[in-house]
Amino acid sequence: MSDVQVREEKKLPRIQPFCSICEDDGILNLRIEMPGVDKNGIVVRIEKNELLIEGKQKLDEPAGKWLLQERRRGNYFKRFIIDESIDREKVDAKMQDGVLHLSLYTRESAKPRKIEIK
């Protein structure tokens, strides 16, 4: 088995990416940092009550040997539990500058509503 094949078969560690979440008028906005990943290397899916996010880093191997390597190497994985108030059919995703932007919308039926008094 060649050196290249051994390196490709080696399993990379899972990295929990840094994440920020804010809520604005019934929309949950998530910002997930995934440096070294382009949009084609990301999978976002909802399974039952879980939001799962996976990202595969493009690994760049230098011609020489590493002298300093501060960026963690591996594949990103993040998991969130979501409840029934989230509309599973209405999720927006965009990758920009190494940050995944997700918008999760609250179902209309789950939003608070004002009751008019007659």
PDB file of N, CA and C in Angstrom:
ATOM      1  N   MET A   1       0.848  -1.169   0.000  1.00  0.00           N
ATOM      2  CA  MET A   1       0.000   0.000   0.000  1.00  0.00           C
ATOM      3  C   MET A   1       0.898   1.238   0.000  1.00  0.00           C
ATOM      4  N   SER A   2       0.614   2.180  -0.870  1.00  0.00           N
ATOM      5  CA  SER A   2       1.458   3.371  -0.968  1.00  0.00           C
ATOM      6  C   SER A   2       1.189   4.337   0.178  1.00  0.00           C
ATOM      7  N   ASP A   3       2.114   5.261   0.364  1.00  0.00           N
ATOM      8  CA  ASP A   3       2.009   6.295   1.384  1.00  0.00           C
ATOM      9  C   ASP A   3       0.760   7.147   1.204  1.00  0.00           C
ATOM     10  N   VAL A   4       0.431   7.465  -0.045  1.00  0.00           N
ATOM     11  CA  VAL A   4      -0.731   8.301  -0.346  1.00  0.00           C
ATOM     12  C   VAL A   4      -2.009   7.607   0.080  1.00  0.00           C
ATOM     13  N   GLN A   5      -2.152   6.323  -0.223  1.00  0.00           N
ATOM     14  CA  GLN A   5      -3.355   5.589   0.153  1.00  0.00           C
ATOM     15  C   GLN A   5      -3.510   5.527   1.666  1.00  0.00           C
ATOM     16  N   VAL A   6      -2.428   5.356   2.387  1.00  0.00           N
ATOM     17  CA  VAL A   6      -2.491   5.297   3.847  1.00  0.00           C
ATOM     18  C   VAL A   6      -3.008   6.621   4.395  1.00  0.00           C
ATOM     19  N   ARG A   7      -2.518   7.753   3.878  1.00  0.00           N
ATOM     20  CA  ARG A   7      -2.940   9.065   4.331  1.00  0.00           C
ATOM     21  C   ARG A   7      -4.423   9.306   4.042  1.00  0.00           C
ATOM     22  N   GLU A   8      -4.910   8.875   2.890  1.00  0.00           N
ATOM     23  CA  GLU A   8      -6.310   9.088   2.525  1.00  0.00           C
ATOM     24  C   GLU A   8      -7.251   8.264   3.396  1.00  0.00           C
ATOM     25  N   GLU A   9      -6.830   7.094   3.832  1.00  0.00           N
ATOM     26  CA  GLU A   9      -7.679   6.231   4.637  1.00  0.00           C
ATOM     27  C   GLU A   9      -7.702   6.647   6.100  1.00  0.00           C
ATOM     28  N   LYS A  10      -6.745   7.443   6.525  1.00  0.00           N
ATOM     29  CA  LYS A  10      -6.668   7.880   7.912  1.00  0.00           C
ATOM     30  C   LYS A  10      -7.897   8.735   8.243  1.00  0.00           C
ATOM     31  N   LYS A  11      -8.590   8.384   9.299  1.00  0.00           N
ATOM     32  CA  LYS A  11      -9.796   9.100   9.682  1.00  0.00           C
ATOM     33  C   LYS A  11      -9.428  10.389  10.415  1.00  0.00           C
ATOM     34  N   LEU A  12      -9.997  11.491   9.949  1.00  0.00           N
ATOM     35  CA  LEU A  12      -9.739  12.784  10.567  1.00  0.00           C
ATOM     36  C   LEU A  12     -10.643  12.968  11.777  1.00  0.00           C
ATOM     37  N   PRO A  13     -10.160  13.697  12.786  1.00  0.00           N
ATOM     38  CA  PRO A  13     -10.997  13.921  13.977  1.00  0.00           C
ATOM     39  C   PRO A  13     -12.170  14.846  13.661  1.00  0.00           C
ATOM     40  N   ARG A  14     -13.209  14.746  14.462  1.00  0.00           N
ATOM     41  CA  ARG A  14     -14.353  15.648  14.357  1.00  0.00           C
ATOM     42  C   ARG A  14     -14.052  16.916  15.140  1.00  0.00           C
ATOM     43  N   ILE A  15     -14.360  18.033  14.529  1.00  0.00           N
ATOM     44  CA  ILE A  15     -14.150  19.329  15.169  1.00  0.00           C
ATOM     45  C   ILE A  15     -15.508  19.970  15.390  1.00  0.00           C
ATOM     46  N   GLN A  16     -15.767  20.433  16.605  1.00  0.00           N
ATOM     47  CA  GLN A  16     -16.985  21.191  16.883  1.00  0.00           C
ATOM     48  C   GLN A  16     -16.700  22.647  16.517  1.00  0.00           C
ATOM     49  N   PRO A  17     -17.331  23.164  15.457  1.00  0.00           N
ATOM     50  CA  PRO A  17     -17.053  24.551  15.072  1.00  0.00           C
ATOM     51  C   PRO A  17     -17.669  25.541  16.051  1.00  0.00           C
ATOM     52  N   PHE A  18     -17.090  26.741  16.102  1.00  0.00           N
ATOM     53  CA  PHE A  18     -17.651  27.810  16.913  1.00  0.00           C
ATOM     54  C   PHE A  18     -18.948  28.273  16.277  1.00  0.00           C
ATOM     55  N   CYS A  19     -19.920  28.614  17.115  1.00  0.00           N
ATOM     56  CA  CYS A  19     -21.237  28.970  16.611  1.00  0.00           C
ATOM     57  C   CYS A  19     -21.805  30.134  17.409  1.00  0.00           C
ATOM     58  N   SER A  20     -22.514  31.016  16.710  1.00  0.00           N
ATOM     59  CA  SER A  20     -23.263  32.104  17.351  1.00  0.00           C
ATOM     60  C   SER A  20     -24.703  31.990  16.880  1.00  0.00           C
ATOM     61  N   ILE A  21     -25.639  32.228  17.796  1.00  0.00           N
ATOM     62  CA  ILE A  21     -27.057  32.150  17.460  1.00  0.00           C
ATOM     63  C   ILE A  21     -27.751  33.396  17.990  1.00  0.00           C
ATOM     64  N   CYS A  22     -28.562  34.010  17.128  1.00  0.00           N
ATOM     65  CA  CYS A  22     -29.395  35.112  17.604  1.00  0.00           C
ATOM     66  C   CYS A  22     -30.800  34.912  17.060  1.00  0.00           C
ATOM     67  N   GLU A  23     -31.771  35.477  17.776  1.00  0.00           N
ATOM     68  CA  GLU A  23     -33.166  35.377  17.381  1.00  0.00           C
ATOM     69  C   GLU A  23     -33.656  36.770  17.033  1.00  0.00           C
ATOM     70  N   ASP A  24     -34.341  36.877  15.885  1.00  0.00           N
ATOM     71  CA  ASP A  24     -34.860  38.165  15.447  1.00  0.00           C
ATOM     72  C   ASP A  24     -36.233  37.948  14.818  1.00  0.00           C
ATOM     73  N   ASP A  25     -37.266  38.362  15.521  1.00  0.00           N
ATOM     74  CA  ASP A  25     -38.632  38.315  15.014  1.00  0.00           C
ATOM     75  C   ASP A  25     -39.023  36.923  14.495  1.00  0.00           C
ATOM     76  N   GLY A  26     -38.776  35.901  15.291  1.00  0.00           N
ATOM     77  CA  GLY A  26     -39.181  34.549  14.935  1.00  0.00           C
ATOM     78  C   GLY A  26     -38.224  33.804  14.027  1.00  0.00           C
ATOM     79  N   ILE A  27     -37.062  34.395  13.750  1.00  0.00           N
ATOM     80  CA  ILE A  27     -36.057  33.738  12.910  1.00  0.00           C
ATOM     81  C   ILE A  27     -34.816  33.485  13.756  1.00  0.00           C
ATOM     82  N   LEU A  28     -34.361  32.225  13.781  1.00  0.00           N
ATOM     83  CA  LEU A  28     -33.100  31.897  14.452  1.00  0.00           C
ATOM     84  C   LEU A  28     -31.993  32.004  13.416  1.00  0.00           C
ATOM     85  N   ASN A  29     -31.020  32.858  13.668  1.00  0.00           N
ATOM     86  CA  ASN A  29     -29.887  33.042  12.766  1.00  0.00           C
ATOM     87  C   ASN A  29     -28.650  32.415  13.394  1.00  0.00           C
ATOM     88  N   LEU A  30     -28.099  31.418  12.719  1.00  0.00           N
ATOM     89  CA  LEU A  30     -26.907  30.727  13.192  1.00  0.00           C
ATOM     90  C   LEU A  30     -25.734  31.123  12.319  1.00  0.00           C
ATOM     91  N   ARG A  31     -24.584  31.348  12.926  1.00  0.00           N
ATOM     92  CA  ARG A  31     -23.330  31.625  12.225  1.00  0.00           C
ATOM     93  C   ARG A  31     -22.329  30.598  12.716  1.00  0.00           C
ATOM     94  N   ILE A  32     -21.890  29.721  11.812  1.00  0.00           N
ATOM     95  CA  ILE A  32     -21.023  28.608  12.187  1.00  0.00           C
ATOM     96  C   ILE A  32     -19.708  28.733  11.429  1.00  0.00           C
ATOM     97  N   GLU A  33     -18.608  28.853  12.163  1.00  0.00           N
ATOM     98  CA  GLU A  33     -17.289  29.051  11.564  1.00  0.00           C
ATOM     99  C   GLU A  33     -16.723  27.722  11.068  1.00  0.00           C
ATOM    100  N   MET A  34     -16.398  27.696   9.764  1.00  0.00           N
ATOM    101  CA  MET A  34     -15.832  26.495   9.155  1.00  0.00           C
ATOM    102  C   MET A  34     -14.714  26.888   8.193  1.00  0.00           C
ATOM    103  N   PRO A  35     -13.583  27.359   8.715  1.00  0.00           N
ATOM    104  CA  PRO A  35     -12.493  27.726   7.814  1.00  0.00           C
ATOM    105  C   PRO A  35     -11.973  26.507   7.050  1.00  0.00           C
ATOM    106  N   GLY A  36     -11.629  26.734   5.788  1.00  0.00           N
ATOM    107  CA  GLY A  36     -11.089  25.656   4.975  1.00  0.00           C
ATOM    108  C   GLY A  36     -12.146  24.783   4.318  1.00  0.00           C
ATOM    109  N   VAL A  37     -13.432  25.178   4.421  1.00  0.00           N
ATOM    110  CA  VAL A  37     -14.524  24.406   3.832  1.00  0.00           C
ATOM    111  C   VAL A  37     -15.239  25.296   2.822  1.00  0.00           C
ATOM    112  N   ASP A  38     -15.504  24.764   1.612  1.00  0.00           N
ATOM    113  CA  ASP A  38     -16.322  25.527   0.687  1.00  0.00           C
ATOM    114  C   ASP A  38     -17.743  24.955   0.709  1.00  0.00           C
ATOM    115  N   LYS A  39     -18.670  25.639   0.053  1.00  0.00           N
ATOM    116  CA  LYS A  39     -20.077  25.250   0.159  1.00  0.00           C
ATOM    117  C   LYS A  39     -20.345  23.833  -0.353  1.00  0.00           C
ATOM    118  N   ASN A  40     -19.524  23.331  -1.257  1.00  0.00           N
ATOM    119  CA  ASN A  40     -19.718  21.970  -1.766  1.00  0.00           C
ATOM    120  C   ASN A  40     -19.286  20.907  -0.759  1.00  0.00           C
ATOM    121  N   GLY A  41     -18.559  21.311   0.264  1.00  0.00           N
ATOM    122  CA  GLY A  41     -18.115  20.364   1.284  1.00  0.00           C
ATOM    123  C   GLY A  41     -18.991  20.343   2.520  1.00  0.00           C
ATOM    124  N   ILE A  42     -20.177  20.979   2.445  1.00  0.00           N
ATOM    125  CA  ILE A  42     -21.064  21.084   3.605  1.00  0.00           C
ATOM    126  C   ILE A  42     -22.358  20.328   3.351  1.00  0.00           C
ATOM    127  N   VAL A  43     -22.806  19.622   4.373  1.00  0.00           N
ATOM    128  CA  VAL A  43     -24.112  18.964   4.346  1.00  0.00           C
ATOM    129  C   VAL A  43     -24.892  19.461   5.553  1.00  0.00           C
ATOM    130  N   VAL A  44     -26.075  20.016   5.296  1.00  0.00           N
ATOM    131  CA  VAL A  44     -26.987  20.455   6.358  1.00  0.00           C
ATOM    132  C   VAL A  44     -28.259  19.647   6.182  1.00  0.00           C
ATOM    133  N   ARG A  45     -28.695  18.980   7.255  1.00  0.00           N
ATOM    134  CA  ARG A  45     -29.920  18.196   7.152  1.00  0.00           C
ATOM    135  C   ARG A  45     -30.680  18.225   8.470  1.00  0.00           C
ATOM    136  N   ILE A  46     -31.971  18.006   8.346  1.00  0.00           N
ATOM    137  CA  ILE A  46     -32.842  17.913   9.516  1.00  0.00           C
ATOM    138  C   ILE A  46     -33.397  16.498   9.534  1.00  0.00           C
ATOM    139  N   GLU A  47     -33.190  15.822  10.651  1.00  0.00           N
ATOM    140  CA  GLU A  47     -33.716  14.471  10.863  1.00  0.00           C
ATOM    141  C   GLU A  47     -34.491  14.474  12.167  1.00  0.00           C
ATOM    142  N   LYS A  48     -35.792  14.276  12.038  1.00  0.00           N
ATOM    143  CA  LYS A  48     -36.701  14.298  13.191  1.00  0.00           C
ATOM    144  C   LYS A  48     -36.523  15.594  13.965  1.00  0.00           C
ATOM    145  N   ASN A  49     -35.957  15.555  15.156  1.00  0.00           N
ATOM    146  CA  ASN A  49     -35.809  16.779  15.955  1.00  0.00           C
ATOM    147  C   ASN A  49     -34.350  17.249  16.038  1.00  0.00           C
ATOM    148  N   GLU A  50     -33.545  16.891  15.055  1.00  0.00           N
ATOM    149  CA  GLU A  50     -32.137  17.278  15.051  1.00  0.00           C
ATOM    150  C   GLU A  50     -31.761  18.050  13.797  1.00  0.00           C
ATOM    151  N   LEU A  51     -30.987  19.103  13.978  1.00  0.00           N
ATOM    152  CA  LEU A  51     -30.346  19.816  12.886  1.00  0.00           C
ATOM    153  C   LEU A  51     -28.894  19.365  12.901  1.00  0.00           C
ATOM    154  N   LEU A  52     -28.451  18.759  11.793  1.00  0.00           N
ATOM    155  CA  LEU A  52     -27.096  18.218  11.702  1.00  0.00           C
ATOM    156  C   LEU A  52     -26.320  18.973  10.638  1.00  0.00           C
ATOM    157  N   ILE A  53     -25.109  19.368  10.989  1.00  0.00           N
ATOM    158  CA  ILE A  53     -24.249  20.124  10.082  1.00  0.00           C
ATOM    159  C   ILE A  53     -22.900  19.439  10.025  1.00  0.00           C
ATOM    160  N   GLU A  54     -22.455  19.125   8.796  1.00  0.00           N
ATOM    161  CA  GLU A  54     -21.158  18.483   8.598  1.00  0.00           C
ATOM    162  C   GLU A  54     -20.392  19.255   7.529  1.00  0.00           C
ATOM    163  N   GLY A  55     -19.103  19.415   7.733  1.00  0.00           N
ATOM    164  CA  GLY A  55     -18.271  20.085   6.746  1.00  0.00           C
ATOM    165  C   GLY A  55     -16.924  19.401   6.622  1.00  0.00           C
ATOM    166  N   LYS A  56     -16.524  19.166   5.385  1.00  0.00           N
ATOM    167  CA  LYS A  56     -15.231  18.518   5.126  1.00  0.00           C
ATOM    168  C   LYS A  56     -14.214  19.566   4.702  1.00  0.00           C
ATOM    169  N   GLN A  57     -13.116  19.622   5.426  1.00  0.00           N
ATOM    170  CA  GLN A  57     -12.026  20.548   5.096  1.00  0.00           C
ATOM    171  C   GLN A  57     -11.286  20.075   3.864  1.00  0.00           C
ATOM    172  N   LYS A  58     -10.865  21.041   3.065  1.00  0.00           N
ATOM    173  CA  LYS A  58      -9.926  20.729   1.982  1.00  0.00           C
ATOM    174  C   LYS A  58      -8.543  20.771   2.626  1.00  0.00           C
ATOM    175  N   LEU A  59      -7.860  19.663   2.594  1.00  0.00           N
ATOM    176  CA  LEU A  59      -6.558  19.589   3.254  1.00  0.00           C
ATOM    177  C   LEU A  59      -5.457  19.973   2.271  1.00  0.00           C
ATOM    178  N   ASP A  60      -4.709  20.980   2.627  1.00  0.00           N
ATOM    179  CA  ASP A  60      -3.581  21.389   1.792  1.00  0.00           C
ATOM    180  C   ASP A  60      -2.299  20.886   2.443  1.00  0.00           C
ATOM    181  N   GLU A  61      -1.585  20.093   1.716  1.00  0.00           N
ATOM    182  CA  GLU A  61      -0.327  19.545   2.210  1.00  0.00           C
ATOM    183  C   GLU A  61       0.818  20.364   1.631  1.00  0.00           C
ATOM    184  N   PRO A  62       1.659  20.912   2.486  1.00  0.00           N
ATOM    185  CA  PRO A  62       2.781  21.704   1.976  1.00  0.00           C
ATOM    186  C   PRO A  62       3.825  20.798   1.314  1.00  0.00           C
ATOM    187  N   ALA A  63       4.623  21.404   0.449  1.00  0.00           N
ATOM    188  CA  ALA A  63       5.702  20.646  -0.194  1.00  0.00           C
ATOM    189  C   ALA A  63       6.756  20.257   0.845  1.00  0.00           C
ATOM    190  N   GLY A  64       6.967  21.097   1.835  1.00  0.00           N
ATOM    191  CA  GLY A  64       7.955  20.819   2.870  1.00  0.00           C
ATOM    192  C   GLY A  64       7.303  20.239   4.110  1.00  0.00           C
ATOM    193  N   LYS A  65       7.956  20.444   5.259  1.00  0.00           N
ATOM    194  CA  LYS A  65       7.369  19.952   6.512  1.00  0.00           C
ATOM    195  C   LYS A  65       6.810  21.134   7.295  1.00  0.00           C
ATOM    196  N   TRP A  66       5.775  20.847   8.074  1.00  0.00           N
ATOM    197  CA  TRP A  66       5.150  21.888   8.879  1.00  0.00           C
ATOM    198  C   TRP A  66       6.124  22.392   9.941  1.00  0.00           C
ATOM    199  N   LEU A  67       6.227  23.701  10.093  1.00  0.00           N
ATOM    200  CA  LEU A  67       6.991  24.301  11.186  1.00  0.00           C
ATOM    201  C   LEU A  67       6.047  24.837  12.255  1.00  0.00           C
ATOM    202  N   LEU A  68       4.873  25.296  11.824  1.00  0.00           N
ATOM    203  CA  LEU A  68       3.841  25.777  12.741  1.00  0.00           C
ATOM    204  C   LEU A  68       2.501  25.492  12.092  1.00  0.00           C
ATOM    205  N   GLN A  69       1.591  24.928  12.858  1.00  0.00           N
ATOM    206  CA  GLN A  69       0.252  24.662  12.344  1.00  0.00           C
ATOM    207  C   GLN A  69      -0.745  24.862  13.482  1.00  0.00           C
ATOM    208  N   GLU A  70      -1.369  26.049  13.523  1.00  0.00           N
ATOM    209  CA  GLU A  70      -2.295  26.366  14.597  1.00  0.00           C
ATOM    210  C   GLU A  70      -3.733  26.014  14.273  1.00  0.00           C
ATOM    211  N   ARG A  71      -4.085  25.952  12.989  1.00  0.00           N
ATOM    212  CA  ARG A  71      -5.450  25.598  12.625  1.00  0.00           C
ATOM    213  C   ARG A  71      -5.654  24.111  12.842  1.00  0.00           C
ATOM    214  N   ARG A  72      -6.766  23.789  13.502  1.00  0.00           N
ATOM    215  CA  ARG A  72      -7.102  22.379  13.721  1.00  0.00           C
ATOM    216  C   ARG A  72      -7.460  21.738  12.398  1.00  0.00           C
ATOM    217  N   ARG A  73      -7.073  20.504  12.231  1.00  0.00           N
ATOM    218  CA  ARG A  73      -7.384  19.762  11.007  1.00  0.00           C
ATOM    219  C   ARG A  73      -8.381  18.670  11.350  1.00  0.00           C
ATOM    220  N   GLY A  74      -9.387  18.552  10.497  1.00  0.00           N
ATOM    221  CA  GLY A  74     -10.405  17.536  10.714  1.00  0.00           C
ATOM    222  C   GLY A  74     -11.661  17.911   9.969  1.00  0.00           C
ATOM    223  N   ASN A  75     -12.732  17.218  10.278  1.00  0.00           N
ATOM    224  CA  ASN A  75     -14.026  17.494   9.672  1.00  0.00           C
ATOM    225  C   ASN A  75     -14.952  18.064  10.734  1.00  0.00           C
ATOM    226  N   TYR A  76     -15.694  19.078  10.338  1.00  0.00           N
ATOM    227  CA  TYR A  76     -16.590  19.763  11.265  1.00  0.00           C
ATOM    228  C   TYR A  76     -17.882  18.987  11.440  1.00  0.00           C
ATOM    229  N   PHE A  77     -18.409  19.015  12.670  1.00  0.00           N
ATOM    230  CA  PHE A  77     -19.690  18.391  12.959  1.00  0.00           C
ATOM    231  C   PHE A  77     -20.359  19.169  14.088  1.00  0.00           C
ATOM    232  N   LYS A  78     -21.616  19.543  13.858  1.00  0.00           N
ATOM    233  CA  LYS A  78     -22.383  20.254  14.880  1.00  0.00           C
ATOM    234  C   LYS A  78     -23.799  19.697  14.857  1.00  0.00           C
ATOM    235  N   ARG A  79     -24.384  19.541  16.031  1.00  0.00           N
ATOM    236  CA  ARG A  79     -25.725  18.962  16.178  1.00  0.00           C
ATOM    237  C   ARG A  79     -26.534  19.819  17.139  1.00  0.00           C
ATOM    238  N   PHE A  80     -27.765  20.135  16.721  1.00  0.00           N
ATOM    239  CA  PHE A  80     -28.682  20.900  17.562  1.00  0.00           C
ATOM    240  C   PHE A  80     -29.995  20.139  17.657  1.00  0.00           C
ATOM    241  N   ILE A  81     -30.617  20.210  18.823  1.00  0.00           N
ATOM    242  CA  ILE A  81     -31.960  19.677  18.999  1.00  0.00           C
ATOM    243  C   ILE A  81     -32.918  20.832  18.700  1.00  0.00           C
ATOM    244  N   ILE A  82     -33.888  20.588  17.810  1.00  0.00           N
ATOM    245  CA  ILE A  82     -34.877  21.617  17.496  1.00  0.00           C
ATOM    246  C   ILE A  82     -36.265  21.073  17.830  1.00  0.00           C
ATOM    247  N   ASP A  83     -37.157  21.978  18.187  1.00  0.00           N
ATOM    248  CA  ASP A  83     -38.508  21.521  18.532  1.00  0.00           C
ATOM    249  C   ASP A  83     -39.458  21.708  17.356  1.00  0.00           C
ATOM    250  N   GLU A  84     -40.716  21.407  17.585  1.00  0.00           N
ATOM    251  CA  GLU A  84     -41.721  21.442  16.518  1.00  0.00           C
ATOM    252  C   GLU A  84     -42.063  22.855  16.066  1.00  0.00           C
ATOM    253  N   SER A  85     -41.622  23.878  16.782  1.00  0.00           N
ATOM    254  CA  SER A  85     -41.934  25.248  16.369  1.00  0.00           C
ATOM    255  C   SER A  85     -41.132  25.676  15.138  1.00  0.00           C
ATOM    256  N   ILE A  86     -40.052  24.947  14.821  1.00  0.00           N
ATOM    257  CA  ILE A  86     -39.220  25.277  13.660  1.00  0.00           C
ATOM    258  C   ILE A  86     -39.846  24.681  12.395  1.00  0.00           C
ATOM    259  N   ASP A  87     -39.973  25.522  11.372  1.00  0.00           N
ATOM    260  CA  ASP A  87     -40.520  25.095  10.081  1.00  0.00           C
ATOM    261  C   ASP A  87     -39.415  24.363   9.312  1.00  0.00           C
ATOM    262  N   ARG A  88     -39.524  23.058   9.194  1.00  0.00           N
ATOM    263  CA  ARG A  88     -38.490  22.248   8.544  1.00  0.00           C
ATOM    264  C   ARG A  88     -38.402  22.487   7.043  1.00  0.00           C
ATOM    265  N   GLU A  89     -39.440  23.042   6.447  1.00  0.00           N
ATOM    266  CA  GLU A  89     -39.462  23.310   5.005  1.00  0.00           C
ATOM    267  C   GLU A  89     -38.874  24.683   4.675  1.00  0.00           C
ATOM    268  N   LYS A  90     -38.626  25.494   5.672  1.00  0.00           N
ATOM    269  CA  LYS A  90     -38.184  26.865   5.430  1.00  0.00           C
ATOM    270  C   LYS A  90     -36.868  27.122   6.177  1.00  0.00           C
ATOM    271  N   VAL A  91     -35.769  26.721   5.559  1.00  0.00           N
ATOM    272  CA  VAL A  91     -34.434  26.925   6.114  1.00  0.00           C
ATOM    273  C   VAL A  91     -33.566  27.518   5.007  1.00  0.00           C
ATOM    274  N   ASP A  92     -32.900  28.622   5.294  1.00  0.00           N
ATOM    275  CA  ASP A  92     -31.991  29.241   4.326  1.00  0.00           C
ATOM    276  C   ASP A  92     -30.558  28.983   4.763  1.00  0.00           C
ATOM    277  N   ALA A  93     -29.684  28.709   3.788  1.00  0.00           N
ATOM    278  CA  ALA A  93     -28.272  28.455   4.082  1.00  0.00           C
ATOM    279  C   ALA A  93     -27.405  29.182   3.063  1.00  0.00           C
ATOM    280  N   LYS A  94     -26.315  29.778   3.571  1.00  0.00           N
ATOM    281  CA  LYS A  94     -25.379  30.493   2.704  1.00  0.00           C
ATOM    282  C   LYS A  94     -23.987  30.381   3.331  1.00  0.00           C
ATOM    283  N   MET A  95     -22.983  30.179   2.490  1.00  0.00           N
ATOM    284  CA  MET A  95     -21.597  30.116   2.962  1.00  0.00           C
ATOM    285  C   MET A  95     -20.886  31.371   2.486  1.00  0.00           C
ATOM    286  N   GLN A  96     -20.230  32.072   3.420  1.00  0.00           N
ATOM    287  CA  GLN A  96     -19.534  33.300   3.054  1.00  0.00           C
ATOM    288  C   GLN A  96     -18.302  33.466   3.942  1.00  0.00           C
ATOM    289  N   ASP A  97     -17.149  33.582   3.314  1.00  0.00           N
ATOM    290  CA  ASP A  97     -15.887  33.838   4.023  1.00  0.00           C
ATOM    291  C   ASP A  97     -15.618  32.846   5.148  1.00  0.00           C
ATOM    292  N   GLY A  98     -15.874  31.567   4.896  1.00  0.00           N
ATOM    293  CA  GLY A  98     -15.589  30.535   5.896  1.00  0.00           C
ATOM    294  C   GLY A  98     -16.611  30.437   7.012  1.00  0.00           C
ATOM    295  N   VAL A  99     -17.754  31.138   6.854  1.00  0.00           N
ATOM    296  CA  VAL A  99     -18.806  31.096   7.868  1.00  0.00           C
ATOM    297  C   VAL A  99     -20.105  30.641   7.211  1.00  0.00           C
ATOM    298  N   LEU A 100     -20.722  29.603   7.779  1.00  0.00           N
ATOM    299  CA  LEU A 100     -22.014  29.117   7.312  1.00  0.00           C
ATOM    300  C   LEU A 100     -23.097  29.927   8.012  1.00  0.00           C
ATOM    301  N   HIS A 101     -23.986  30.528   7.223  1.00  0.00           N
ATOM    302  CA  HIS A 101     -25.107  31.315   7.743  1.00  0.00           C
ATOM    303  C   HIS A 101     -26.381  30.499   7.530  1.00  0.00           C
ATOM    304  N   LEU A 102     -27.066  30.171   8.617  1.00  0.00           N
ATOM    305  CA  LEU A 102     -28.331  29.442   8.538  1.00  0.00           C
ATOM    306  C   LEU A 102     -29.433  30.291   9.155  1.00  0.00           C
ATOM    307  N   SER A 103     -30.588  30.304   8.526  1.00  0.00           N
ATOM    308  CA  SER A 103     -31.769  30.961   9.081  1.00  0.00           C
ATOM    309  C   SER A 103     -32.858  29.921   9.221  1.00  0.00           C
ATOM    310  N   LEU A 104     -33.329  29.742  10.450  1.00  0.00           N
ATOM    311  CA  LEU A 104     -34.407  28.795  10.750  1.00  0.00           C
ATOM    312  C   LEU A 104     -35.636  29.615  11.126  1.00  0.00           C
ATOM    313  N   TYR A 105     -36.727  29.333  10.483  1.00  0.00           N
ATOM    314  CA  TYR A 105     -37.947  30.117  10.666  1.00  0.00           C
ATOM    315  C   TYR A 105     -38.922  29.395  11.586  1.00  0.00           C
ATOM    316  N   THR A 106     -39.595  30.178  12.428  1.00  0.00           N
ATOM    317  CA  THR A 106     -40.622  29.640  13.311  1.00  0.00           C
ATOM    318  C   THR A 106     -41.905  29.468  12.514  1.00  0.00           C
ATOM    319  N   ARG A 107     -42.593  28.357  12.719  1.00  0.00           N
ATOM    320  CA  ARG A 107     -43.892  28.130  12.065  1.00  0.00           C
ATOM    321  C   ARG A 107     -44.850  29.244  12.471  1.00  0.00           C
ATOM    322  N   GLU A 108     -45.677  29.645  11.531  1.00  0.00           N
ATOM    323  CA  GLU A 108     -46.666  30.691  11.822  1.00  0.00           C
ATOM    324  C   GLU A 108     -47.550  30.289  12.993  1.00  0.00           C
ATOM    325  N   SER A 109     -47.930  29.021  13.046  1.00  0.00           N
ATOM    326  CA  SER A 109     -48.818  28.556  14.116  1.00  0.00           C
ATOM    327  C   SER A 109     -48.143  28.581  15.487  1.00  0.00           C
ATOM    328  N   ALA A 110     -46.811  28.622  15.521  1.00  0.00           N
ATOM    329  CA  ALA A 110     -46.085  28.623  16.792  1.00  0.00           C
ATOM    330  C   ALA A 110     -45.743  30.034  17.269  1.00  0.00           C
ATOM    331  N   LYS A 111     -45.904  31.024  16.384  1.00  0.00           N
ATOM    332  CA  LYS A 111     -45.591  32.400  16.762  1.00  0.00           C
ATOM    333  C   LYS A 111     -46.658  32.943  17.710  1.00  0.00           C
ATOM    334  N   PRO A 112     -46.238  33.758  18.658  1.00  0.00           N
ATOM    335  CA  PRO A 112     -47.239  34.392  19.522  1.00  0.00           C
ATOM    336  C   PRO A 112     -48.122  35.324  18.690  1.00  0.00           C
ATOM    337  N   ARG A 113     -49.369  35.400  19.041  1.00  0.00           N
ATOM    338  CA  ARG A 113     -50.246  36.303  18.305  1.00  0.00           C
ATOM    339  C   ARG A 113     -51.070  37.119  19.288  1.00  0.00           C
ATOM    340  N   LYS A 114     -51.387  38.286  18.845  1.00  0.00           N
ATOM    341  CA  LYS A 114     -52.162  39.210  19.680  1.00  0.00           C
ATOM    342  C   LYS A 114     -53.649  38.933  19.444  1.00  0.00           C
ATOM    343  N   ILE A 115     -54.397  38.833  20.500  1.00  0.00           N
ATOM    344  CA  ILE A 115     -55.823  38.586  20.437  1.00  0.00           C
ATOM    345  C   ILE A 115     -56.551  39.924  20.538  1.00  0.00           C
ATOM    346  N   GLU A 116     -57.377  40.171  19.532  1.00  0.00           N
ATOM    347  CA  GLU A 116     -58.148  41.414  19.524  1.00  0.00           C
ATOM    348  C   GLU A 116     -59.351  41.269  20.458  1.00  0.00           C
ATOM    349  N   ILE A 117     -59.549  42.251  21.279  1.00  0.00           N
ATOM    350  CA  ILE A 117     -60.687  42.244  22.202  1.00  0.00           C
ATOM    351  C   ILE A 117     -61.816  43.028  21.547  1.00  0.00           C
ATOM    352  N   LYS A 118     -62.992  42.407  21.494  1.00  0.00           N
ATOM    353  CA  LYS A 118     -64.152  43.036  20.842  1.00  0.00           C
ATOM    354  C   LYS A 118     -65.090  43.608  21.876  1.00  0.00           C
TER     355      LYS A 118
END
